[in-house]
Amino acid sequence: MHRTMQYTIRNITPEIDQALRRKAAENSQSLNQAALATLENGLNLTGQPKVHHDLDEFFGKWVSDPECEKVLDEMREQIDWDMWK
């Protein structure tokens, strides 16, 4: 059996409180369970690789824009490839 510690954390901002309470409700957890899970994930103690979802909303949404492609092609022509070796 693992020995556990008890912490008192002060100066919790209203934003953190609301976010933890929302996470607890969404996952049907107690506030304590949500806080522990958040700490575990933040410290990367889960043993799982971190998965980032920052740009998920953009995946598969590329829309070809001929005007943009034209500008990008013009910029590519100005690249001095010798500088990048």
Foldseek 3Di string as FASTA:
>chain_A
DDDDDDDDDPDQDPVNVVVLVVQCVVVVHDSVVSVVVVVCVVVVVPVDDDDDCPCVVCPPPDDDDVVVVVVVVVVVVVDPVVVVD
